[in-house]
């Protein structure tokens, strides 16, 4: 029987919205090593897009330089062909203005999202990760769009010791060109499945 990937993708996003136990009890981020440790918690939890080769990777490693300074890079697992999506045009990947932060920088714990206001002149605000994710899903749905967050290879730079964060882009399915509906549903399912992994980490 042929798998119903659309149903599978919808089920995974529904499961993602039900997650409520994301709590990373990090100590205050005070140095680069702790900032890097924050970043490494996302390894293979957020899919990564490379505009240079127009590929979306869900299986990769962060490469951290041994020296005290230098850029953090992303090394895709080229052997994991089934975890790589090809011919993803650059115009389908859009910045969101959303950042993921450790709660400690806000005097709390767990993960938070810094989210732009709903209008250009509205101020940004912070929400716990799961609340922010649900709000973003609903915001994009109200526009007839989907919130499919990814990282962009090349955006990772040195992290400010006291304020590590990850800026999210998103895949816009309306600009995926020749990508089939079936593959779009597989991408949706993959992104949701990896995000669910954030909640299961300990």
Protein backbone atom coordinates (compact mmCIF):
# COMPACT_ATOMS: atom_id res chain seq x y z
CA UNK A 1 0.00 0.00 0.00
CA UNK A 2 1.33 3.48 -0.91
CA UNK A 3 1.92 5.61 2.19
CA UNK A 4 -0.32 8.65 2.55
CA UNK A 5 2.39 11.24 3.16
CA UNK A 6 -0.09 14.13 3.39
CA UNK A 7 -1.89 12.38 6.26
CA UNK A 8 1.45 11.52 7.85
CA UNK A 9 2.62 15.14 7.62
CA UNK A 10 -0.63 16.45 9.13
CA UNK A 11 -0.40 13.90 11.93
CA UNK A 12 3.17 14.90 12.77
CA UNK A 13 2.27 18.61 12.87
CA UNK A 14 -0.69 17.80 15.12
CA UNK A 15 1.65 15.85 17.39
CA UNK A 16 4.08 18.75 17.39
CA UNK A 17 1.37 21.14 18.54
CA UNK A 18 0.54 18.81 21.45
CA UNK A 19 4.09 18.87 22.83
CA UNK A 20 4.30 20.78 26.11
CA UNK A 21 7.37 19.55 27.97
CA UNK A 22 10.25 21.35 26.30
CA UNK A 23 12.48 22.49 29.15
CA UNK A 24 16.21 22.94 28.79
CA UNK A 25 17.45 23.90 32.22
CA UNK A 26 20.62 25.60 31.08
CA UNK A 27 22.76 27.66 33.39
CA UNK A 28 23.25 31.27 32.44
CA UNK A 29 25.14 31.53 29.15
CA UNK A 30 28.34 33.32 30.06
CA UNK A 31 30.95 32.08 27.63
CA UNK A 32 31.47 30.82 24.13
CA UNK A 33 31.58 27.14 25.07
CA UNK A 34 28.16 27.35 26.67
CA UNK A 35 26.85 29.23 23.64
CA UNK A 36 28.19 26.45 21.41
CA UNK A 37 26.59 23.86 23.68
CA UNK A 38 23.28 25.68 23.13
CA UNK A 39 23.75 25.47 19.37
CA UNK A 40 24.67 21.78 19.41
CA UNK A 41 21.34 20.91 21.02
CA UNK A 42 19.77 21.76 17.64
CA UNK A 43 21.97 19.47 15.60
CA UNK A 44 19.69 17.45 13.28
CA UNK A 45 16.64 19.01 14.97
CA UNK A 46 16.23 21.84 12.48
CA UNK A 47 16.68 21.13 8.79
CA UNK A 48 19.39 23.15 7.07
CA UNK A 49 19.18 24.75 3.62
CA UNK A 50 22.12 25.46 1.33
CA UNK A 51 21.34 27.96 -1.43
CA UNK A 52 24.65 27.22 -3.16
CA UNK A 53 23.54 23.70 -4.10
CA UNK A 54 19.78 24.27 -3.61
CA UNK A 55 19.47 21.39 -1.15
CA UNK A 56 17.68 20.91 2.16
CA UNK A 57 19.49 18.65 4.64
CA UNK A 58 17.98 16.91 7.65
CA UNK A 59 21.11 14.90 8.48
CA UNK A 60 24.25 16.93 9.21
CA UNK A 61 26.84 17.88 11.82
CA UNK A 62 27.95 21.21 13.27
CA UNK A 63 31.70 21.69 12.96
CA UNK A 64 33.16 23.83 15.73
CA UNK A 65 36.69 25.22 15.28
CA UNK A 66 39.20 24.23 17.95
CA UNK A 67 40.56 27.74 18.25
CA UNK A 68 38.87 30.27 20.48
CA UNK A 69 37.51 32.20 17.50
CA UNK A 70 36.14 31.26 14.12
CA UNK A 71 32.91 30.45 12.36
CA UNK A 72 30.79 27.43 13.13
CA UNK A 73 30.02 25.54 9.93
CA UNK A 74 27.58 22.83 8.89
CA UNK A 75 28.72 19.57 7.33
CA UNK A 76 25.88 17.65 5.62
CA UNK A 77 26.02 13.86 5.55
CA UNK A 78 26.24 13.41 1.79
CA UNK A 79 25.71 9.65 2.18
CA UNK A 80 22.26 10.22 3.67
CA UNK A 81 20.62 10.78 0.29
CA UNK A 82 17.20 9.91 1.70
CA UNK A 83 17.57 12.79 4.20
CA UNK A 84 18.40 15.32 1.47
CA UNK A 85 15.90 17.21 -0.69
CA UNK A 86 17.16 18.51 -4.01
CA UNK A 87 16.21 21.35 -6.35
CA UNK A 88 14.90 23.60 -3.59
CA UNK A 89 15.06 27.07 -5.20
CA UNK A 90 16.49 29.95 -3.19
CA UNK A 91 13.33 32.01 -3.65
CA UNK A 92 11.40 29.40 -1.67
CA UNK A 93 13.48 30.06 1.48
CA UNK A 94 12.49 33.24 3.28
CA UNK A 95 13.67 34.93 6.48
CA UNK A 96 11.11 35.04 9.29
CA UNK A 97 12.68 37.47 11.74
CA UNK A 98 12.07 34.80 14.41
CA UNK A 99 14.91 33.93 16.80
CA UNK A 100 15.23 31.02 19.23
CA UNK A 101 16.80 32.00 22.55
CA UNK A 102 17.71 30.19 25.76
CA UNK A 103 15.27 31.27 28.46
CA UNK A 104 18.15 32.21 30.76
CA UNK A 105 18.83 35.37 28.79
CA UNK A 106 15.28 36.43 29.71
CA UNK A 107 15.56 35.41 33.34
CA UNK A 108 13.68 32.15 32.76
CA UNK A 109 14.46 28.59 31.65
CA UNK A 110 13.79 26.38 28.66
CA UNK A 111 13.62 27.77 25.13
CA UNK A 112 11.98 30.98 23.99
CA UNK A 113 11.10 32.50 20.64
CA UNK A 114 11.53 36.19 19.86
CA UNK A 115 8.77 36.86 17.34
CA UNK A 116 8.19 39.96 15.18
CA UNK A 117 4.88 41.75 15.70
CA UNK A 118 2.03 40.99 13.38
CA UNK A 119 2.39 44.36 11.63
CA UNK A 120 5.49 46.29 10.46
CA UNK A 121 5.23 48.84 13.27
CA UNK A 122 4.37 46.32 16.00
CA UNK A 123 7.14 45.50 18.48
CA UNK A 124 8.57 42.00 18.74
CA UNK A 125 7.81 39.85 21.76
CA UNK A 126 9.02 36.67 23.46
CA UNK A 127 7.09 33.47 24.09
CA UNK A 128 8.07 30.03 25.40
CA UNK A 129 9.08 27.85 22.45
CA UNK A 130 5.98 25.68 22.23
CA UNK A 131 3.61 28.63 22.60
CA UNK A 132 5.54 30.63 20.02
CA UNK A 133 5.57 27.71 17.59
CA UNK A 134 1.82 27.21 17.87
CA UNK A 135 1.22 30.94 17.43
CA UNK A 136 3.40 31.04 14.32
CA UNK A 137 1.67 28.01 12.82
CA UNK A 138 -1.70 29.71 13.36
CA UNK A 139 -0.42 33.09 12.07
CA UNK A 140 0.79 31.57 8.82
CA UNK A 141 -2.33 29.41 8.44
CA UNK A 142 -4.46 32.56 8.71
CA UNK A 143 -2.54 33.88 5.69
CA UNK A 144 -3.06 30.67 3.74
CA UNK A 145 0.63 29.77 4.23
CA UNK A 146 2.66 27.20 6.15
CA UNK A 147 5.32 27.73 8.79
CA UNK A 148 8.12 25.31 7.89
CA UNK A 149 11.18 26.54 9.82
CA UNK A 150 14.74 25.81 8.65
CA UNK A 151 18.25 27.10 9.24
CA UNK A 152 20.27 28.52 6.35
CA UNK A 153 23.80 27.26 5.87
CA UNK A 154 26.06 30.30 5.93
CA UNK A 155 24.02 32.17 8.54
CA UNK A 156 25.90 30.62 11.45
CA UNK A 157 28.61 32.86 12.74
CA UNK A 158 30.34 33.32 16.05
CA UNK A 159 27.87 33.55 18.87
CA UNK A 160 27.80 36.44 21.29
CA UNK A 161 28.77 34.86 24.60
CA UNK A 162 25.85 36.27 26.54
CA UNK A 163 23.20 36.11 23.84
CA UNK A 164 23.25 32.98 21.68
CA UNK A 165 20.33 32.71 19.30
CA UNK A 166 19.24 31.02 16.11
CA UNK A 167 17.51 32.96 13.35
CA UNK A 168 14.87 30.93 11.51
CA UNK A 169 14.06 30.95 7.83
CA UNK A 170 11.13 29.04 6.39
CA UNK A 171 10.32 27.01 3.31
CA UNK A 172 7.47 28.54 1.29
CA UNK A 173 5.83 25.67 -0.64
CA UNK A 174 4.27 28.13 -3.11
CA UNK A 175 7.76 28.76 -4.55
CA UNK A 176 9.00 25.18 -4.78
CA UNK A 177 8.60 25.10 -8.54
CA UNK A 178 8.96 21.58 -9.90
CA UNK A 179 8.77 19.87 -6.49
CA UNK A 180 5.81 17.49 -6.44
CA UNK A 181 3.00 17.64 -3.89
CA UNK A 182 4.17 14.26 -2.59
CA UNK A 183 7.70 15.55 -1.94
CA UNK A 184 6.33 18.72 -0.32
CA UNK A 185 4.37 16.53 2.10
CA UNK A 186 7.52 14.52 2.83
CA UNK A 187 9.41 17.77 3.53
CA UNK A 188 6.60 18.93 5.85
CA UNK A 189 6.66 15.60 7.65
CA UNK A 190 10.46 15.62 7.99
CA UNK A 191 10.57 19.16 9.42
CA UNK A 192 7.86 18.32 11.96
CA UNK A 193 9.49 15.04 12.95
CA UNK A 194 12.82 16.73 13.63
CA UNK A 195 11.18 19.52 15.64
CA UNK A 196 9.40 16.92 17.77
CA UNK A 197 12.87 15.61 18.57
CA UNK A 198 13.56 18.86 20.43
CA UNK A 199 10.88 17.95 22.94
CA UNK A 200 12.19 14.43 23.38
CA UNK A 201 15.74 15.52 24.17
CA UNK A 202 16.99 15.37 27.71
